[in-house]
Amino acid sequence: MFTRRDFSLAISAGGLMAGGCASAGSRPDMPAAPAATSPLGEAMAGTAVPGMAAIVIRDFRVENEYFSGVRALGSPVMVAPNDRWHQGSNGKAMTATLVAKLVDAGVLSWRRPLAEMLPDLAARMQPAYRDVTLPDLLSHRAGLPENISDLSFFLSFHTDSASLTAQRLSYVDRCLQEAPVGPARADSSYSNTGFLIAAACAERVTGRAFEDLIVREVFDPLGIHSISFDQFGGVNEPQGHVDGRIANELNDVNPRMFAPAGAMRMTLRDWSRFCIDQMQGEHGRGRLLRTETCRFIHTPQGDTRTALGWGAAPHPMNLRGPALTHSGSDGNWYALVCLFPETGNGVLVAANAADSMQGDQAAVAALRALAATVAEPFQG
């Protein structure tokens, strides 16, 4: 339930906590590595994780893919290249990219205060929130709580028949009435709510639902067509797991309106297309954003190591950075990313279980092993 904390500060120089060519991208004909050579089996050993997948990116191209385990407990079907994996909070970088693209188009502004972007809510929101901006929201520096305090209100959106846009606005309205946890533009205070608010701002100014916007502005231009906003797939897809069982669609997942904070599924190949474009963007070869905009959303805000939708790690896992990092989980899945934009290298890892079944530990172990193959040790 909810999308778990990000990975922005976890992979520091001291350790890792569990917790151009614009067309370059993953190659559809890239075979999976043989099971005997896969590093995922070792990472899964001693855990209850049913299945995992990973991708290694080198020089802005997918170098290899790895798969291990099964799609669901009790099933003999192995995970496969076209399987979709829950992104969790890794979707925050995608939401930030959508907002940045709307800023590039002149539809939104980095400087406009929230009270002007959502004027209908201004009178009811806490005064401390009225002057926060999109960079504050997208870097967890708006002073917002992590999630709404009223869990029953949150869960009511599972059965809400209103449009997703209306649901998000109702949720945001209630969230903005809760007291801040700290001052704006100070330390980072991780908040899923900030990304829902940013999405509501985008929806208001464009008149389109977040889901339509991100498909049109982010996914379609990159050839990402496996995207799903449903938290559960069909019987022929991997299933999330919690507490030694397959997750329950009604009780274990977040409502669909939560998508901007991290409730999206896609194949790892499609995820790699997004990640490669993020790295290409810093070299002036991205499809989505202007070079200066791409660099801006990857730059830590204030004195933090938190960028817009990304964590910014100078030397992750004692490897030479800088790197863009994040993790994501709704409690039923666990996914990690670590990118090295200067070299165009990176690693994506996903597991169909989270901390209750050691999915976080397995994902971190796999990321450590694979990242060491694409980045040099840091000589500090």
Protein backbone atom coordinates (compact mmCIF):
# COMPACT_ATOMS: atom_id res chain seq x y z
CA MET A 1 0.00 0.00 0.00
CA PHE A 2 1.26 3.46 -0.98
CA THR A 3 4.47 3.79 -2.97
CA ARG A 4 7.51 3.33 -0.81
CA ARG A 5 10.39 5.72 -0.31
CA ASP A 6 12.74 6.56 -3.10
CA PHE A 7 16.35 5.51 -3.56
CA SER A 8 17.75 9.00 -3.77
CA LEU A 9 19.86 8.94 -0.63
CA ALA A 10 20.24 5.21 -0.12
CA ILE A 11 23.12 4.52 -2.48
CA SER A 12 25.78 6.73 -1.03
CA ALA A 13 29.54 6.52 -1.24
CA GLY A 14 29.56 4.49 1.94
CA GLY A 15 27.07 1.84 0.99
CA LEU A 16 23.65 0.90 -0.23
CA MET A 17 20.65 0.62 2.05
CA ALA A 18 17.84 -1.80 1.38
CA GLY A 19 15.12 0.33 1.92
CA GLY A 20 23.33 11.48 -29.94
CA CYS A 21 21.69 8.73 -31.16
CA ALA A 22 18.11 9.44 -30.19
CA SER A 23 17.05 6.12 -31.63
CA ALA A 24 19.40 4.13 -29.41
CA GLY A 25 17.48 1.86 -27.09
CA SER A 26 16.75 -1.73 -26.18
CA ARG A 27 17.00 -4.22 -29.00
CA PRO A 28 14.00 -6.50 -29.49
CA ASP A 29 16.22 -9.36 -30.65
CA MET A 30 18.48 -9.25 -27.60
CA PRO A 31 18.38 -12.74 -26.04
CA ALA A 32 18.08 -13.35 -22.34
CA ALA A 33 21.25 -14.49 -20.63
CA PRO A 34 21.38 -18.24 -19.96
CA ALA A 35 20.08 -19.09 -16.51
CA ALA A 36 23.44 -20.54 -15.49
CA THR A 37 25.14 -17.17 -15.99
CA SER A 38 22.40 -14.98 -14.60
CA PRO A 39 23.37 -12.97 -11.51
CA LEU A 40 19.75 -12.92 -10.37
CA GLY A 41 19.68 -16.48 -9.07
CA GLU A 42 22.43 -15.69 -6.57
CA ALA A 43 20.64 -12.49 -5.50
CA MET A 44 17.41 -14.43 -4.93
CA ALA A 45 19.07 -17.21 -2.95
CA GLY A 46 17.81 -17.34 0.62
CA THR A 47 14.86 -15.06 -0.11
CA ALA A 48 11.19 -15.76 -0.85
CA VAL A 49 11.18 -13.76 -4.09
CA PRO A 50 9.34 -15.65 -6.86
CA GLY A 51 10.91 -13.89 -9.84
CA MET A 52 13.23 -11.13 -11.01
CA ALA A 53 14.37 -9.41 -14.17
CA ALA A 54 17.20 -6.99 -14.95
CA ILE A 55 18.67 -4.99 -17.81
CA VAL A 56 22.21 -3.71 -18.25
CA ILE A 57 22.71 -0.59 -20.38
CA ARG A 58 26.11 0.24 -21.84
CA ASP A 59 26.93 3.17 -24.10
CA PHE A 60 23.24 4.14 -24.39
CA ARG A 61 22.18 0.68 -25.58
CA VAL A 62 20.83 -2.41 -23.88
CA GLU A 63 23.75 -4.79 -23.53
CA ASN A 64 22.02 -7.69 -21.83
CA GLU A 65 18.83 -8.83 -20.15
CA TYR A 66 18.49 -11.30 -17.29
CA PHE A 67 15.51 -13.29 -16.03
CA SER A 68 15.08 -15.70 -13.14
CA GLY A 69 12.20 -17.37 -11.33
CA VAL A 70 8.47 -17.56 -11.92
CA ARG A 71 5.69 -15.09 -12.59
CA ALA A 72 3.65 -16.15 -9.57
CA LEU A 73 3.79 -18.51 -6.62
CA GLY A 74 2.23 -21.84 -7.50
CA SER A 75 2.84 -21.32 -11.21
CA PRO A 76 5.52 -23.06 -13.29
CA VAL A 77 5.60 -20.23 -15.84
CA MET A 78 8.95 -18.46 -15.87
CA VAL A 79 9.33 -14.70 -16.18
CA ALA A 80 9.95 -13.61 -19.77
CA PRO A 81 11.23 -10.61 -21.80
CA ASN A 82 7.83 -9.08 -22.54
CA ASP A 83 6.54 -9.24 -18.96
CA ARG A 84 5.39 -5.99 -17.36
CA TRP A 85 6.77 -4.99 -13.96
CA HIS A 86 5.39 -2.50 -11.47
CA GLN A 87 7.53 0.64 -11.43
CA GLY A 88 6.45 2.05 -8.08
CA SER A 89 8.16 5.37 -7.39
CA ASN A 90 10.42 4.99 -10.41
CA GLY A 91 7.44 6.49 -12.22
CA LYS A 92 8.15 9.79 -10.46
CA ALA A 93 10.96 10.53 -12.93
CA MET A 94 8.44 10.01 -15.73
CA THR A 95 5.96 12.39 -14.11
CA ALA A 96 8.72 14.98 -13.63
CA THR A 97 9.66 14.59 -17.30
CA LEU A 98 6.05 15.17 -18.36
CA VAL A 99 5.91 18.36 -16.27
CA ALA A 100 9.28 19.49 -17.66
CA LYS A 101 8.05 18.97 -21.21
CA LEU A 102 5.01 21.13 -20.49
CA VAL A 103 7.35 23.79 -19.09
CA ASP A 104 9.43 23.62 -22.28
CA ALA A 105 6.21 24.13 -24.25
CA GLY A 106 5.32 27.20 -22.18
CA VAL A 107 2.21 25.56 -20.74
CA LEU A 108 3.57 25.42 -17.18
CA SER A 109 6.21 27.48 -15.39
CA TRP A 110 8.88 26.50 -12.88
CA ARG A 111 8.27 29.75 -10.97
CA ARG A 112 4.50 30.00 -10.75
CA PRO A 113 3.19 29.50 -7.16
CA LEU A 114 0.77 26.72 -6.35
CA ALA A 115 -2.02 29.10 -5.34
CA GLU A 116 -2.02 30.41 -8.92
CA MET A 117 -1.78 26.96 -10.52
CA LEU A 118 -4.71 25.59 -8.47
CA PRO A 119 -6.70 28.75 -7.68
CA ASP A 120 -9.88 26.87 -6.77
CA LEU A 121 -8.02 25.23 -3.87
CA ALA A 122 -6.01 28.26 -2.73
CA ALA A 123 -8.40 29.43 -0.01
CA ARG A 124 -8.51 25.99 1.65
CA MET A 125 -4.85 25.01 1.39
CA GLN A 126 -2.43 25.60 4.23
CA PRO A 127 -0.82 29.05 3.80
CA ALA A 128 2.62 27.42 3.79
CA TYR A 129 1.80 25.64 0.53
CA ARG A 130 0.55 28.63 -1.43
CA ASP A 131 3.92 29.75 -2.74
CA VAL A 132 5.52 26.36 -3.43
CA THR A 133 6.54 25.74 -7.03
CA LEU A 134 6.81 22.74 -9.31
CA PRO A 135 10.53 22.20 -8.54
CA ASP A 136 9.62 22.18 -4.82
CA LEU A 137 6.90 19.58 -5.41
CA LEU A 138 9.03 17.37 -7.66
CA SER A 139 12.10 17.40 -5.39
CA HIS A 140 10.24 16.65 -2.14
CA ARG A 141 10.94 20.14 -0.81
CA ALA A 142 7.41 21.50 -0.49
CA GLY A 143 7.10 20.56 3.19
CA LEU A 144 4.32 18.08 2.43
CA PRO A 145 3.72 14.88 4.42
CA GLU A 146 4.66 11.65 2.68
CA ASN A 147 1.00 10.55 2.33
CA ILE A 148 -2.43 11.62 3.51
CA SER A 149 -3.13 10.76 7.15
CA ASP A 150 -6.65 9.45 6.52
CA LEU A 151 -6.14 5.93 5.14
CA SER A 152 -9.86 5.24 4.82
CA PHE A 153 -10.24 8.31 2.60
CA PHE A 154 -7.33 7.09 0.48
CA LEU A 155 -8.82 3.62 0.09
CA SER A 156 -12.21 5.05 -0.87
CA PHE A 157 -10.80 5.84 -4.29
CA HIS A 158 -10.80 2.12 -5.12
CA THR A 159 -14.57 2.38 -5.53
CA ASP A 160 -14.88 6.02 -6.58
CA SER A 161 -16.74 6.30 -9.90
CA ALA A 162 -15.57 9.84 -10.70
CA SER A 163 -12.98 10.47 -13.40
CA LEU A 164 -9.34 9.95 -12.39
CA THR A 165 -8.77 13.68 -12.80
CA ALA A 166 -11.64 14.47 -10.42
CA GLN A 167 -10.42 11.85 -7.95
CA ARG A 168 -6.92 13.33 -7.91
CA LEU A 169 -8.24 16.85 -7.41
CA SER A 170 -10.39 15.68 -4.48
CA TYR A 171 -7.42 13.87 -2.96
CA VAL A 172 -5.08 16.84 -3.47
CA ASP A 173 -7.63 19.22 -1.96
CA ARG A 174 -7.72 17.17 1.24
CA CYS A 175 -3.94 16.75 1.35
CA LEU A 176 -3.30 20.46 1.04
CA GLN A 177 -5.39 21.07 4.16
CA GLU A 178 -3.03 18.96 6.29
CA ALA A 179 -0.24 20.66 8.23
CA PRO A 180 3.23 20.72 6.68
CA VAL A 181 6.00 18.61 8.15
CA GLY A 182 8.56 21.35 7.63
CA PRO A 183 9.33 24.55 5.72
CA ALA A 184 9.40 24.64 1.96
CA ARG A 185 12.75 24.66 0.16
CA ALA A 186 14.63 23.25 3.14
CA ASP A 187 15.61 19.59 3.56
CA SER A 188 13.97 16.94 1.41
CA SER A 189 10.95 15.31 2.98
CA TYR A 190 9.79 12.47 0.77
CA SER A 191 6.24 13.01 -0.45
CA ASN A 192 4.09 11.05 -2.86
CA THR A 193 1.56 13.85 -2.56
CA GLY A 194 3.82 16.37 -4.29
CA PHE A 195 3.68 14.38 -7.52
CA LEU A 196 -0.09 14.07 -7.40
CA ILE A 197 -0.31 17.84 -6.96
CA ALA A 198 2.04 18.44 -9.89
CA ALA A 199 -0.09 16.11 -12.01
CA ALA A 200 -3.23 17.99 -10.97
CA CYS A 201 -1.58 21.23 -12.10
CA ALA A 202 -0.79 19.67 -15.48
CA GLU A 203 -4.34 18.37 -15.80
CA ARG A 204 -5.86 21.74 -15.00
CA VAL A 205 -3.77 23.71 -17.49
CA THR A 206 -4.15 21.21 -20.35
CA GLY A 207 -7.68 19.93 -19.71
CA ARG A 208 -6.43 16.36 -20.21
CA ALA A 209 -6.05 13.47 -17.78
CA PHE A 210 -2.56 12.62 -16.56
CA GLU A 211 -2.75 9.18 -18.15
CA ASP A 212 -3.50 10.65 -21.58
CA LEU A 213 -0.86 13.33 -21.17
CA ILE A 214 2.00 11.04 -20.20
CA VAL A 215 1.21 8.58 -22.98
CA ARG A 216 1.07 11.37 -25.59
CA GLU A 217 4.01 13.44 -24.34
CA VAL A 218 6.41 10.86 -22.89
CA PHE A 219 5.64 7.26 -23.83
CA ASP A 220 4.51 7.49 -27.47
CA PRO A 221 7.51 9.58 -28.60
CA LEU A 222 9.84 6.91 -27.15
CA GLY A 223 7.96 3.95 -28.61
CA ILE A 224 6.83 2.79 -25.16
CA HIS A 225 3.65 0.83 -25.78
CA SER A 226 3.54 -1.69 -22.92
CA ILE A 227 2.35 0.87 -20.36
CA SER A 228 -0.53 -0.14 -18.09
CA PHE A 229 -2.16 1.92 -15.35
CA ASP A 230 -3.93 -1.13 -13.95
CA GLN A 231 -2.28 -2.46 -10.81
CA PHE A 232 -2.96 -6.07 -11.75
CA GLY A 233 -2.35 -7.80 -15.07
CA GLY A 234 -3.90 -10.89 -16.52
CA VAL A 235 -3.17 -14.50 -15.67
CA ASN A 236 -0.32 -14.51 -18.19
CA GLU A 237 1.64 -11.75 -16.44
CA PRO A 238 3.81 -11.57 -13.32
CA GLN A 239 1.89 -10.95 -10.12
CA GLY A 240 2.98 -8.93 -7.12
CA HIS A 241 3.48 -10.76 -3.83
CA VAL A 242 3.31 -9.88 -0.14
CA ASP A 243 3.62 -11.93 3.06
CA GLY A 244 4.23 -15.16 1.14
CA ARG A 245 1.14 -14.91 -1.09
CA ILE A 246 -0.04 -13.29 -4.30
CA ALA A 247 -1.15 -9.72 -3.61
CA ASN A 248 -4.86 -9.01 -3.37
CA GLU A 249 -6.29 -6.61 -5.92
CA LEU A 250 -8.65 -4.94 -3.45
CA ASN A 251 -6.62 -4.72 -0.24
CA ASP A 252 -2.93 -4.64 -1.15
CA VAL A 253 -2.58 -2.08 -3.94
CA ASN A 254 -2.95 1.65 -4.39
CA PRO A 255 -5.95 3.19 -6.19
CA ARG A 256 -5.45 3.85 -9.88
CA MET A 257 -5.59 7.63 -9.37
CA PHE A 258 -2.18 7.28 -7.64
CA ALA A 259 -0.39 6.83 -11.00
CA PRO A 260 1.63 10.10 -10.98
CA ALA A 261 3.32 9.09 -7.71
CA GLY A 262 4.08 5.58 -8.94
CA ALA A 263 1.32 3.23 -10.05
CA MET A 264 2.38 2.20 -13.55
CA ARG A 265 3.55 -1.07 -15.11
CA MET A 266 5.66 -1.66 -18.22
CA THR A 267 8.29 -4.02 -19.62
CA LEU A 268 11.89 -3.51 -18.60
CA ARG A 269 12.73 -2.94 -22.26
CA ASP A 270 10.33 0.00 -22.36
CA TRP A 271 11.63 1.29 -19.03
CA SER A 272 15.12 1.20 -20.51
CA ARG A 273 13.94 3.33 -23.45
CA PHE A 274 12.94 6.05 -20.99
CA CYS A 275 16.19 5.75 -19.03
CA ILE A 276 18.33 5.88 -22.16
CA ASP A 277 16.54 9.03 -23.32
CA GLN A 278 17.16 10.62 -19.92
CA MET A 279 20.88 9.99 -20.32
CA GLN A 280 20.90 11.02 -23.99
CA GLY A 281 19.14 14.23 -23.00
CA GLU A 282 22.15 15.41 -21.02
CA HIS A 283 24.22 15.12 -24.21
CA GLY A 284 21.75 17.03 -26.36
CA ARG A 285 20.41 13.91 -28.06
CA GLY A 286 17.19 13.25 -26.13
CA ARG A 287 13.81 13.05 -27.79
CA LEU A 288 11.76 14.55 -24.97
CA LEU A 289 13.45 17.56 -23.40
CA ARG A 290 15.74 20.42 -24.25
CA THR A 291 19.29 19.77 -23.04
CA GLU A 292 19.18 22.48 -20.36
CA THR A 293 15.81 21.23 -19.12
CA CYS A 294 17.05 17.66 -18.89
CA ARG A 295 20.10 18.76 -16.94
CA PHE A 296 17.92 20.88 -14.67
CA ILE A 297 15.64 18.03 -13.62
CA HIS A 298 18.74 15.91 -12.91
CA THR A 299 20.35 18.58 -10.71
CA PRO A 300 20.01 18.35 -6.90
CA GLN A 301 17.87 21.10 -5.40
CA GLY A 302 19.28 23.25 -2.63
CA ASP A 303 21.73 21.42 -0.38
CA THR A 304 20.08 18.05 -0.95
CA ARG A 305 20.83 15.06 -3.16
CA THR A 306 17.31 15.10 -4.51
CA ALA A 307 16.64 16.19 -8.08
CA LEU A 308 13.24 16.33 -9.81
CA GLY A 309 11.90 12.79 -9.74
CA TRP A 310 15.43 11.43 -9.29
CA GLY A 311 17.97 10.94 -6.60
CA ALA A 312 21.39 12.40 -7.44
CA ALA A 313 24.22 10.27 -6.05
CA PRO A 314 27.82 11.47 -6.44
CA HIS A 315 29.39 8.03 -5.92
CA PRO A 316 26.76 5.30 -5.52
CA MET A 317 27.97 2.04 -4.03
CA ASN A 318 31.53 3.40 -4.11
CA LEU A 319 31.33 3.65 -7.89
CA ARG A 320 32.37 6.69 -9.88
CA GLY A 321 29.38 8.92 -10.52
CA PRO A 322 27.50 11.09 -10.81
CA ALA A 323 24.47 8.84 -11.00
CA LEU A 324 20.70 9.09 -11.16
CA THR A 325 19.04 6.68 -8.75
CA HIS A 326 15.64 5.61 -7.51
CA SER A 327 13.65 2.73 -6.09
CA GLY A 328 9.97 1.93 -6.19
CA SER A 329 7.57 -0.38 -4.40
CA ASP A 330 3.90 -0.57 -3.50
CA GLY A 331 4.72 -3.29 -0.99
CA ASN A 332 4.13 -6.05 -3.56
CA TRP A 333 6.94 -5.32 -6.04
CA TYR A 334 10.40 -3.80 -5.83
CA ALA A 335 12.28 -2.02 -8.63
CA LEU A 336 15.62 -0.19 -8.71
CA VAL A 337 17.50 1.95 -11.22
CA CYS A 338 20.99 3.40 -11.26
CA LEU A 339 22.11 5.42 -14.31
CA PHE A 340 25.49 6.96 -15.15
CA PRO A 341 24.66 9.68 -17.71
CA GLU A 342 28.26 10.62 -18.48
CA THR A 343 28.99 7.17 -19.89
CA GLY A 344 25.50 6.16 -20.96
CA ASN A 345 25.61 3.11 -18.69
CA GLY A 346 23.08 1.86 -16.18
CA VAL A 347 21.19 -0.99 -14.53
CA LEU A 348 17.47 -1.67 -14.03
CA VAL A 349 16.25 -4.39 -11.65
CA ALA A 350 12.73 -5.54 -10.79
CA ALA A 351 11.31 -8.19 -8.45
CA ASN A 352 7.72 -9.36 -8.04
CA ALA A 353 7.91 -9.13 -4.23
CA ALA A 354 9.03 -6.47 -1.76
CA ASP A 355 10.41 -6.25 1.76
CA SER A 356 8.07 -8.78 3.39
CA MET A 357 9.63 -11.43 1.11
CA GLN A 358 13.13 -9.89 0.89
CA GLY A 359 12.50 -8.47 -2.58
CA ASP A 360 14.32 -5.31 -1.55
CA GLN A 361 17.39 -7.29 -0.47
CA ALA A 362 17.46 -9.33 -3.66
CA ALA A 363 17.06 -6.27 -5.87
CA VAL A 364 19.81 -4.38 -4.05
CA ALA A 365 22.17 -7.38 -4.32
CA ALA A 366 21.50 -7.72 -8.03
CA LEU A 367 21.96 -4.00 -8.61
CA ARG A 368 25.27 -4.03 -6.75
CA ALA A 369 26.59 -6.92 -8.81
CA LEU A 370 25.50 -5.54 -12.16
CA ALA A 371 26.41 -1.89 -11.53
CA ALA A 372 29.97 -2.94 -10.76
CA THR A 373 30.22 -4.17 -14.37
CA VAL A 374 29.32 -0.80 -15.91
CA ALA A 375 30.98 1.74 -13.59
CA GLU A 376 34.51 2.14 -12.31
CA PRO A 377 35.29 2.07 -8.58
CA PHE A 378 35.43 5.48 -6.94
CA GLN A 379 38.94 6.40 -5.85
CA GLY A 380 38.17 8.90 -3.10
